[in-house]
Amino acid sequence: MKGDRVEIVIDAGEAIRTYEVVATRAGRRVEVVTRRGVVEVIEVTRTGTPVRTARFMASRILALVEHPVNDRGEQRAEAADD
């Protein structure tokens, strides 16, 4: 679904970097897979064909946040602390 996105915060040694992978078209989704110490964030089509892949070393990841869309195609509202 359009609107799926994943934010990845990486420790790059001297700095912290933030990357974002977004489903760029309707019908696409973003999947997160962990294999052998490597985290892959993959944008795939409806048929499962990968469009883009981002790979990160699991030991360098500080945070990985998934922002899925709801059933109507809208992003979920963030809960606010009062």
Protein backbone atom coordinates (compact mmCIF):
# COMPACT_ATOMS: atom_id res chain seq x y z
CA MET A 1 0.00 0.00 0.00
CA LYS A 2 1.20 3.47 -0.67
CA GLY A 3 2.22 5.05 2.60
CA ASP A 4 4.14 2.11 4.04
CA ARG A 5 7.47 3.40 5.22
CA VAL A 6 10.33 2.31 7.45
CA GLU A 7 12.79 4.59 9.23
CA ILE A 8 16.23 3.21 10.14
CA VAL A 9 18.64 5.00 12.50
CA ILE A 10 22.27 3.86 12.08
CA ASP A 11 25.41 4.40 14.17
CA ALA A 12 27.91 5.43 11.50
CA GLY A 13 30.88 5.72 13.84
CA GLU A 14 31.27 9.46 14.26
CA ALA A 15 27.67 10.35 13.44
CA ILE A 16 24.14 9.01 13.52
CA ARG A 17 22.37 8.71 10.17
CA THR A 18 18.70 8.24 9.43
CA TYR A 19 17.41 6.45 6.34
CA GLU A 20 13.85 6.08 5.15
CA VAL A 21 12.43 3.51 2.72
CA VAL A 22 8.97 4.39 1.38
CA ALA A 23 6.53 2.48 -0.83
CA THR A 24 6.58 4.84 -3.82
CA ARG A 25 3.43 3.67 -5.63
CA ALA A 26 0.01 2.29 -4.79
CA GLY A 27 0.05 -1.48 -4.35
CA ARG A 28 3.65 -1.64 -3.17
CA ARG A 29 4.71 -2.50 0.35
CA VAL A 30 7.86 -2.41 2.45
CA GLU A 31 9.13 -5.60 4.08
CA VAL A 32 11.82 -6.01 6.75
CA VAL A 33 13.90 -9.22 6.82
CA THR A 34 16.76 -10.15 9.16
CA ARG A 35 19.31 -12.70 7.91
CA ARG A 36 22.74 -13.54 9.36
CA GLY A 37 23.32 -10.22 11.06
CA VAL A 38 22.05 -8.16 8.12
CA VAL A 39 18.72 -6.35 8.08
CA GLU A 40 17.17 -5.91 4.64
CA VAL A 41 14.42 -3.35 4.01
CA ILE A 42 12.78 -4.21 0.68
CA GLU A 43 10.16 -2.37 -1.36
CA VAL A 44 8.15 -5.00 -3.25
CA THR A 45 5.32 -4.96 -5.78
CA ARG A 46 1.98 -6.77 -5.40
CA THR A 47 3.48 -9.86 -7.04
CA GLY A 48 6.46 -9.88 -4.67
CA THR A 49 9.06 -8.57 -7.11
CA PRO A 50 11.69 -6.48 -5.27
CA VAL A 51 12.00 -2.90 -6.53
CA ARG A 52 14.58 -1.48 -4.09
CA THR A 53 16.62 -3.05 -1.32
CA ALA A 54 18.52 -1.39 1.52
CA ARG A 55 20.89 -3.51 3.64
CA PHE A 56 22.23 -2.61 7.07
CA MET A 57 24.44 -4.42 9.57
CA ALA A 58 22.22 -5.39 12.51
CA SER A 59 24.92 -4.43 15.02
CA ARG A 60 24.88 -0.82 13.73
CA ILE A 61 21.10 -0.28 13.92
CA LEU A 62 19.99 1.92 16.81
CA ALA A 63 16.29 2.03 15.87
CA LEU A 64 14.02 0.61 13.19
CA VAL A 65 10.51 2.06 13.09
CA GLU A 66 7.78 0.75 10.79
CA HIS A 67 4.94 3.11 9.82
CA PRO A 68 2.20 0.97 8.22
CA VAL A 69 -1.01 2.33 6.69
CA ASN A 70 -4.46 1.35 7.91
CA ASP A 71 -7.13 -0.48 5.86
CA ARG A 72 -8.36 2.74 4.22
CA GLY A 73 -4.89 3.66 2.96
CA GLU A 74 -4.26 6.37 5.55
CA GLN A 75 -1.30 6.53 7.88
CA ARG A 76 -2.10 5.69 11.47
CA ALA A 77 -2.13 8.59 13.91
CA GLU A 78 0.69 8.63 16.43
CA ALA A 79 -0.36 8.34 20.06
CA ALA A 80 0.45 11.48 22.01
CA ASP A 81 1.49 11.40 25.65
CA ASP A 82 -0.35 13.95 27.79
